């Protein structure tokens, strides 16, 4: 495993981050935000958390909305029993709907203080290493959010703060205001970035490099679309024999790429050609491409099969040539902005 600084901070994180959205409690009946029918139970989640530690991964990302808090609870119990707190880096997020009431979501002072306390209780820890705003809150002034995050850092409940998907102008505004007011600034950006979605290269990636912000992309394999041939993509949602519970029920994931399938086919086919020539799985090539991009610190990889994390770690040893990178990027066409809501 390789370890790097998280942006300009002194915090060392593994170059692969384990995303824990999959771990918690499978949802039944009405599917609410943050709950998924394809989530693994605690017992089924533990082998992957153990595998991550065994592979040298020290960076774990979750959120309060994942399985309505159960993801945090599963992660917290596992790490408390199997790792020293100072040896791991725990990242979580807040902003999404946790309760159907006026203050049950958002990034107000009231919401953030309450939700952090609840996250700390579920994670069974006194502090979070990286506390992130899950999305932009259009109903709360950014100054209010930044000030309370600063206060939580000074109180010792949070070590660093980060942000997730938003427009580059919003992120620039947040960084500017933090510097202007002497508040703690964001040190990381968790954005939607992969071979099938490169719109972040237009503004956000350049901003992060200029400001020394760590980039920790979510959905680095495009919800599995970069791990299989295009023919499987066409049958995923129509063939019971080849579909998975996630492909059938992941409404958010399926909607993200449904309008660009024909454009994406060229990228998927090119990825397959290069992976075949190298004799490695497609996932390794897709992650190797992402790891080669300046500013990318640690892709956030989910795992529901043993080979998922094995491929992710193996990607660290796959060094693509400039010609291969050019070939992978050549078929890309502009996409609608995705993942900000």
Protein backbone atom coordinates (compact mmCIF):
# COMPACT_ATOMS: atom_id res chain seq x y z
CA UNK A 1 0.00 0.00 0.00
CA UNK A 2 1.09 3.55 -0.72
CA UNK A 3 0.39 6.44 1.64
CA UNK A 4 0.23 10.13 0.76
CA UNK A 5 -0.60 13.40 2.45
CA UNK A 6 -4.22 14.51 2.31
CA UNK A 7 -3.72 17.67 0.29
CA UNK A 8 -1.47 20.15 2.05
CA UNK A 9 -2.14 18.62 5.46
CA UNK A 10 0.25 16.33 7.31
CA UNK A 11 -2.39 13.59 7.51
CA UNK A 12 -1.26 10.37 5.80
CA UNK A 13 -3.92 8.32 4.04
CA UNK A 14 -3.80 5.17 1.94
CA UNK A 15 -4.09 5.77 -1.81
CA UNK A 16 -7.22 3.64 -1.78
CA UNK A 17 -10.12 4.64 0.44
CA UNK A 18 -12.80 2.10 1.35
CA UNK A 19 -16.27 3.51 0.74
CA UNK A 20 -18.76 2.16 3.27
CA UNK A 21 -22.09 3.10 1.67
CA UNK A 22 -22.69 -0.61 0.96
CA UNK A 23 -22.39 -1.63 4.61
CA UNK A 24 -25.29 -1.32 7.04
CA UNK A 25 -28.75 -2.82 6.84
CA UNK A 26 -30.54 -3.88 3.64
CA UNK A 27 -33.63 -1.75 3.14
CA UNK A 28 -37.05 -3.33 2.78
CA UNK A 29 -40.38 -1.81 1.82
CA UNK A 30 -40.25 1.90 1.04
CA UNK A 31 -36.73 2.92 0.04
CA UNK A 32 -35.80 6.19 1.75
CA UNK A 33 -32.81 8.43 0.90
CA UNK A 34 -29.61 6.77 2.07
CA UNK A 35 -31.17 3.32 2.41
CA UNK A 36 -30.56 0.63 -0.20
CA UNK A 37 -31.92 -2.82 -0.91
CA UNK A 38 -28.42 -3.85 -1.97
CA UNK A 39 -26.72 -2.90 1.33
CA UNK A 40 -24.90 -5.73 3.11
CA UNK A 41 -25.70 -6.75 6.65
CA UNK A 42 -23.14 -6.22 9.40
CA UNK A 43 -22.07 -9.88 9.29
CA UNK A 44 -21.64 -9.77 5.51
CA UNK A 45 -19.77 -6.44 5.71
CA UNK A 46 -17.09 -7.48 8.17
CA UNK A 47 -14.98 -9.62 5.78
CA UNK A 48 -14.49 -6.59 3.51
CA UNK A 49 -13.58 -4.29 6.39
CA UNK A 50 -11.08 -6.91 7.56
CA UNK A 51 -9.71 -7.30 4.03
CA UNK A 52 -9.20 -3.55 3.82
CA UNK A 53 -7.10 -3.53 7.00
CA UNK A 54 -5.11 -6.54 5.81
CA UNK A 55 -4.33 -4.75 2.53
CA UNK A 56 -3.03 -1.71 4.38
CA UNK A 57 -6.03 0.57 3.81
CA UNK A 58 -6.28 3.05 6.67
CA UNK A 59 -8.85 5.43 5.12
CA UNK A 60 -12.59 4.74 5.54
CA UNK A 61 -15.40 6.92 4.20
CA UNK A 62 -19.04 6.83 5.27
CA UNK A 63 -21.93 9.27 5.84
CA UNK A 64 -24.74 9.75 8.31
CA UNK A 65 -27.38 9.01 5.65
CA UNK A 66 -25.94 5.66 4.59
CA UNK A 67 -28.45 3.09 5.83
CA UNK A 68 -29.81 5.87 8.07
CA UNK A 69 -26.73 5.74 10.27
CA UNK A 70 -26.21 1.98 10.27
CA UNK A 71 -23.14 2.27 8.02
CA UNK A 72 -21.44 4.43 10.64
CA UNK A 73 -22.45 2.01 13.40
CA UNK A 74 -21.12 -1.03 11.53
CA UNK A 75 -17.84 0.73 10.74
CA UNK A 76 -17.49 2.04 14.28
CA UNK A 77 -18.00 -1.32 15.93
CA UNK A 78 -15.61 -3.05 13.58
CA UNK A 79 -12.79 -0.53 13.94
CA UNK A 80 -13.14 -0.37 17.70
CA UNK A 81 -12.73 -4.13 17.90
CA UNK A 82 -10.04 -4.55 15.26
CA UNK A 83 -7.91 -1.41 14.99
CA UNK A 84 -6.29 1.24 17.13
CA UNK A 85 -8.16 4.52 16.75
CA UNK A 86 -4.99 6.48 16.04
CA UNK A 87 -4.05 4.07 13.22
CA UNK A 88 -7.12 4.71 11.07
CA UNK A 89 -8.61 7.72 9.31
CA UNK A 90 -12.40 7.96 9.58
CA UNK A 91 -14.31 10.25 7.25
CA UNK A 92 -18.03 10.88 7.41
CA UNK A 93 -20.49 13.39 5.99
CA UNK A 94 -23.60 15.38 6.83
CA UNK A 95 -26.30 17.30 4.92
CA UNK A 96 -28.80 14.72 3.71
CA UNK A 97 -32.25 13.91 5.09
CA UNK A 98 -32.05 12.06 8.40
CA UNK A 99 -35.53 12.85 9.74
CA UNK A 100 -38.73 14.06 8.11
CA UNK A 101 -38.86 17.33 10.04
CA UNK A 102 -37.76 20.94 9.39
CA UNK A 103 -34.29 20.56 10.90
CA UNK A 104 -33.76 16.94 9.92
CA UNK A 105 -31.33 17.83 7.14
CA UNK A 106 -29.00 20.56 5.94
CA UNK A 107 -25.89 22.37 7.10
CA UNK A 108 -27.21 24.83 9.64
CA UNK A 109 -25.43 25.25 12.98
CA UNK A 110 -28.23 23.36 14.70
CA UNK A 111 -28.18 20.47 12.20
CA UNK A 112 -24.41 20.06 12.01
CA UNK A 113 -23.82 20.05 15.77
CA UNK A 114 -26.58 17.53 16.33
CA UNK A 115 -25.63 15.28 13.42
CA UNK A 116 -21.95 15.22 14.35
CA UNK A 117 -22.79 14.16 17.90
CA UNK A 118 -24.97 11.37 16.52
CA UNK A 119 -22.21 10.28 14.11
CA UNK A 120 -19.65 10.20 16.91
CA UNK A 121 -21.98 8.05 19.01
CA UNK A 122 -22.52 5.58 16.17
CA UNK A 123 -18.83 5.50 15.22
CA UNK A 124 -17.91 5.00 18.90
CA UNK A 125 -15.20 7.62 18.78
CA UNK A 126 -14.50 11.04 20.28
CA UNK A 127 -13.55 12.66 17.01
CA UNK A 128 -13.82 12.37 13.24
CA UNK A 129 -10.66 12.73 11.19
CA UNK A 130 -12.42 14.22 8.14
CA UNK A 131 -15.89 15.75 8.41
CA UNK A 132 -17.43 16.58 5.04
CA UNK A 133 -20.38 18.54 3.71
CA UNK A 134 -22.21 15.95 1.60
CA UNK A 135 -23.75 18.48 -0.79
CA UNK A 136 -24.24 22.25 -0.99
CA UNK A 137 -27.06 23.53 1.21
CA UNK A 138 -28.94 26.23 -0.69
CA UNK A 139 -31.08 27.05 2.36
CA UNK A 140 -28.21 27.89 4.73
CA UNK A 141 -25.67 30.72 4.28
CA UNK A 142 -22.25 29.20 3.61
CA UNK A 143 -20.83 31.51 6.31
CA UNK A 144 -22.98 29.76 8.93
CA UNK A 145 -21.77 26.36 7.81
CA UNK A 146 -18.11 27.33 7.71
CA UNK A 147 -18.18 28.96 11.13
CA UNK A 148 -19.73 25.98 12.89
CA UNK A 149 -17.29 23.60 11.18
CA UNK A 150 -14.45 25.82 12.40
CA UNK A 151 -15.89 25.73 15.92
CA UNK A 152 -16.06 21.92 15.84
CA UNK A 153 -12.42 21.71 14.77
CA UNK A 154 -11.41 24.01 17.62
CA UNK A 155 -13.51 21.93 20.03
CA UNK A 156 -11.50 18.83 19.07
CA UNK A 157 -14.44 16.90 17.65
CA UNK A 158 -13.15 17.19 14.07
CA UNK A 159 -9.55 17.12 12.83
CA UNK A 160 -10.07 18.30 9.23
CA UNK A 161 -13.02 19.38 7.10
CA UNK A 162 -13.82 18.52 3.50
CA UNK A 163 -16.56 18.99 0.93
CA UNK A 164 -18.31 16.89 -1.67
CA UNK A 165 -19.84 17.53 -5.10
CA UNK A 166 -20.59 21.17 -5.88
CA UNK A 167 -19.85 23.77 -8.53
CA UNK A 168 -16.30 25.10 -8.62
CA UNK A 169 -17.50 28.66 -7.98
CA UNK A 170 -19.18 27.46 -4.78
CA UNK A 171 -16.04 25.73 -3.59
CA UNK A 172 -13.94 28.80 -4.45
CA UNK A 173 -16.35 30.97 -2.48
CA UNK A 174 -16.09 28.68 0.55
CA UNK A 175 -12.28 28.69 0.44
CA UNK A 176 -12.20 32.48 0.05
CA UNK A 177 -14.58 33.11 2.95
CA UNK A 178 -12.68 30.75 5.24
CA UNK A 179 -9.43 32.57 4.51
CA UNK A 180 -11.13 35.97 4.86
CA UNK A 181 -12.64 35.17 8.26
CA UNK A 182 -9.73 33.13 9.61
CA UNK A 183 -11.82 29.96 9.75
CA UNK A 184 -10.66 26.41 9.09
CA UNK A 185 -10.69 25.77 5.33
CA UNK A 186 -11.70 22.67 3.43
CA UNK A 187 -8.76 20.35 2.75
CA UNK A 188 -10.47 17.85 0.44
CA UNK A 189 -13.02 17.55 -2.36
CA UNK A 190 -14.98 14.31 -2.77
CA UNK A 191 -16.26 14.63 -6.33
CA UNK A 192 -17.77 12.50 -9.08
CA UNK A 193 -14.86 11.71 -11.40
CA UNK A 194 -14.10 8.71 -13.59
CA UNK A 195 -13.42 7.75 -17.21
CA UNK A 196 -17.12 8.09 -18.07
CA UNK A 197 -17.55 11.43 -16.30
CA UNK A 198 -14.74 13.95 -16.69
CA UNK A 199 -16.63 17.23 -16.43
CA UNK A 200 -14.72 17.95 -13.21
CA UNK A 201 -11.63 18.56 -15.35
CA UNK A 202 -13.15 21.80 -16.68
CA UNK A 203 -12.85 23.78 -13.43
CA UNK A 204 -12.86 21.78 -10.19
CA UNK A 205 -9.69 19.76 -10.75
CA UNK A 206 -7.67 22.85 -11.64
CA UNK A 207 -9.01 24.72 -8.62
CA UNK A 208 -8.09 21.86 -6.31
CA UNK A 209 -4.55 21.65 -7.69
CA UNK A 210 -4.07 25.39 -7.32
CA UNK A 211 -5.33 25.38 -3.73
CA UNK A 212 -3.62 22.17 -2.62
CA UNK A 213 -6.93 20.40 -2.09
CA UNK A 214 -6.97 16.59 -1.92
CA UNK A 215 -9.29 14.99 -4.48
CA UNK A 216 -10.97 11.77 -3.32
CA UNK A 217 -13.35 10.78 -6.15
CA UNK A 218 -16.53 8.84 -5.55
CA UNK A 219 -17.86 6.26 -8.02
CA UNK A 220 -14.42 5.81 -9.63
CA UNK A 221 -15.70 2.79 -11.58
CA UNK A 222 -18.97 4.45 -12.65
CA UNK A 223 -21.20 2.13 -10.62
CA UNK A 224 -19.49 -0.91 -12.16
CA UNK A 225 -19.85 0.24 -15.76
CA UNK A 226 -16.07 0.36 -16.11
CA UNK A 227 -15.62 -3.22 -14.89
CA UNK A 228 -17.47 -5.17 -17.60
CA UNK A 229 -17.90 -5.29 -21.39
CA UNK A 230 -20.55 -3.12 -22.96
CA UNK A 231 -22.70 -6.17 -23.78
CA UNK A 232 -23.11 -6.76 -20.06
CA UNK A 233 -24.14 -3.13 -19.67
CA UNK A 234 -27.00 -3.67 -22.10
CA UNK A 235 -28.27 -6.75 -20.26
CA UNK A 236 -27.73 -5.57 -16.71
CA UNK A 237 -31.19 -4.09 -16.37
CA UNK A 238 -33.04 -6.56 -18.57
CA UNK A 239 -31.66 -10.02 -17.77
CA UNK A 240 -32.46 -11.52 -14.38
CA UNK A 241 -29.60 -13.97 -14.82
CA UNK A 242 -27.00 -11.20 -15.16
CA UNK A 243 -28.51 -8.40 -13.09
CA UNK A 244 -27.79 -7.71 -9.44
CA UNK A 245 -29.96 -6.32 -6.69
CA UNK A 246 -28.05 -3.06 -6.96
CA UNK A 247 -28.46 -2.73 -10.73
CA UNK A 248 -32.20 -3.29 -10.34
CA UNK A 249 -32.75 -0.89 -7.44
CA UNK A 250 -30.00 1.76 -7.61
CA UNK A 251 -32.26 4.48 -8.99
CA UNK A 252 -29.70 7.24 -8.44
CA UNK A 253 -26.85 5.32 -10.05
CA UNK A 254 -28.89 4.19 -13.04
CA UNK A 255 -30.24 7.69 -13.68
CA UNK A 256 -26.75 9.22 -13.71
CA UNK A 257 -25.63 7.42 -16.85
CA UNK A 258 -28.90 6.59 -18.59
CA UNK A 259 -28.75 9.56 -21.00
CA UNK A 260 -25.17 9.04 -22.15
CA UNK A 261 -24.97 5.29 -22.80
CA UNK A 262 -24.18 5.50 -26.51
CA UNK A 263 -21.49 8.11 -25.92
CA UNK A 264 -20.01 6.03 -23.11
CA UNK A 265 -19.78 2.87 -25.17
CA UNK A 266 -16.63 4.03 -26.96
CA UNK A 267 -14.88 4.62 -23.64
CA UNK A 268 -15.91 1.22 -22.28
CA UNK A 269 -14.79 -0.55 -25.45
CA UNK A 270 -11.41 1.25 -25.46
CA UNK A 271 -10.90 0.40 -21.80
CA UNK A 272 -11.53 -3.26 -22.62
CA UNK A 273 -8.99 -3.22 -25.43
CA UNK A 274 -6.22 -1.85 -23.22
CA UNK A 275 -7.08 -4.15 -20.32
CA UNK A 276 -6.97 -7.16 -22.66
CA UNK A 277 -3.60 -6.17 -24.08
CA UNK A 278 -2.19 -5.79 -20.58
CA UNK A 279 -3.84 -8.97 -19.34
CA UNK A 280 -5.39 -7.28 -16.30
CA UNK A 281 -9.00 -6.65 -15.20
CA UNK A 282 -10.73 -3.54 -16.53
CA UNK A 283 -11.11 -2.18 -13.02
CA UNK A 284 -7.34 -2.01 -12.60
CA UNK A 285 -6.90 0.02 -15.77
CA UNK A 286 -9.78 2.38 -14.93
CA UNK A 287 -8.39 3.01 -11.45
CA UNK A 288 -4.84 3.32 -12.76
CA UNK A 289 -6.04 6.07 -15.11
CA UNK A 290 -7.67 7.90 -12.20
CA UNK A 291 -4.62 7.51 -9.98
CA UNK A 292 -2.47 8.99 -12.75
CA UNK A 293 -4.38 12.29 -12.74
CA UNK A 294 -2.63 15.16 -10.94
CA UNK A 295 -4.29 16.00 -7.66
CA UNK A 296 -6.11 12.70 -7.16
CA UNK A 297 -5.28 11.46 -3.66
CA UNK A 298 -7.41 8.37 -3.05
CA UNK A 299 -10.35 7.05 -5.08
CA UNK A 300 -13.19 5.85 -2.86
CA UNK A 301 -13.79 2.22 -3.77
CA UNK A 302 -16.75 0.13 -2.66
CA UNK A 303 -16.36 -3.62 -2.20
CA UNK A 304 -18.90 -6.44 -2.18
CA UNK A 305 -16.62 -9.17 -3.57
CA UNK A 306 -13.03 -10.03 -2.52
CA UNK A 307 -11.59 -9.11 -5.93
CA UNK A 308 -12.91 -5.55 -5.70
CA UNK A 309 -10.31 -4.44 -3.16
CA UNK A 310 -7.65 -6.71 -4.63
CA UNK A 311 -8.09 -5.02 -8.02
CA UNK A 312 -8.06 -1.58 -6.41
CA UNK A 313 -4.76 -2.18 -4.63
CA UNK A 314 -3.27 -3.88 -7.70
CA UNK A 315 -4.09 -0.75 -9.72
CA UNK A 316 -1.37 1.07 -7.77
CA UNK A 317 1.18 -1.03 -9.68
CA UNK A 318 -0.36 -0.42 -13.10
CA UNK A 319 1.45 2.51 -14.74
CA UNK A 320 -0.21 3.55 -17.98
CA UNK A 321 1.83 4.98 -20.81
CA UNK A 322 1.01 8.44 -22.23
CA UNK A 323 -0.25 6.67 -25.35
CA UNK A 324 -2.60 4.48 -23.31
CA UNK A 325 -3.93 7.47 -21.39
CA UNK A 326 -4.56 9.33 -24.64
CA UNK A 327 -6.35 6.31 -26.09
CA UNK A 328 -8.58 5.98 -23.02
CA UNK A 329 -9.54 9.66 -23.09
CA UNK A 330 -10.01 10.02 -26.85
CA UNK A 331 -13.63 8.69 -27.12
CA UNK A 332 -15.00 10.95 -24.37
CA UNK A 333 -17.71 13.47 -25.21
CA UNK A 334 -19.13 16.24 -22.95
CA UNK A 335 -21.71 15.08 -20.41
CA UNK A 336 -24.48 16.83 -18.49
CA UNK A 337 -23.46 17.83 -14.97
CA UNK A 338 -24.13 14.88 -12.65
CA UNK A 339 -24.03 14.18 -8.94
CA UNK A 340 -24.58 17.62 -7.44
CA UNK A 341 -28.02 16.86 -5.96
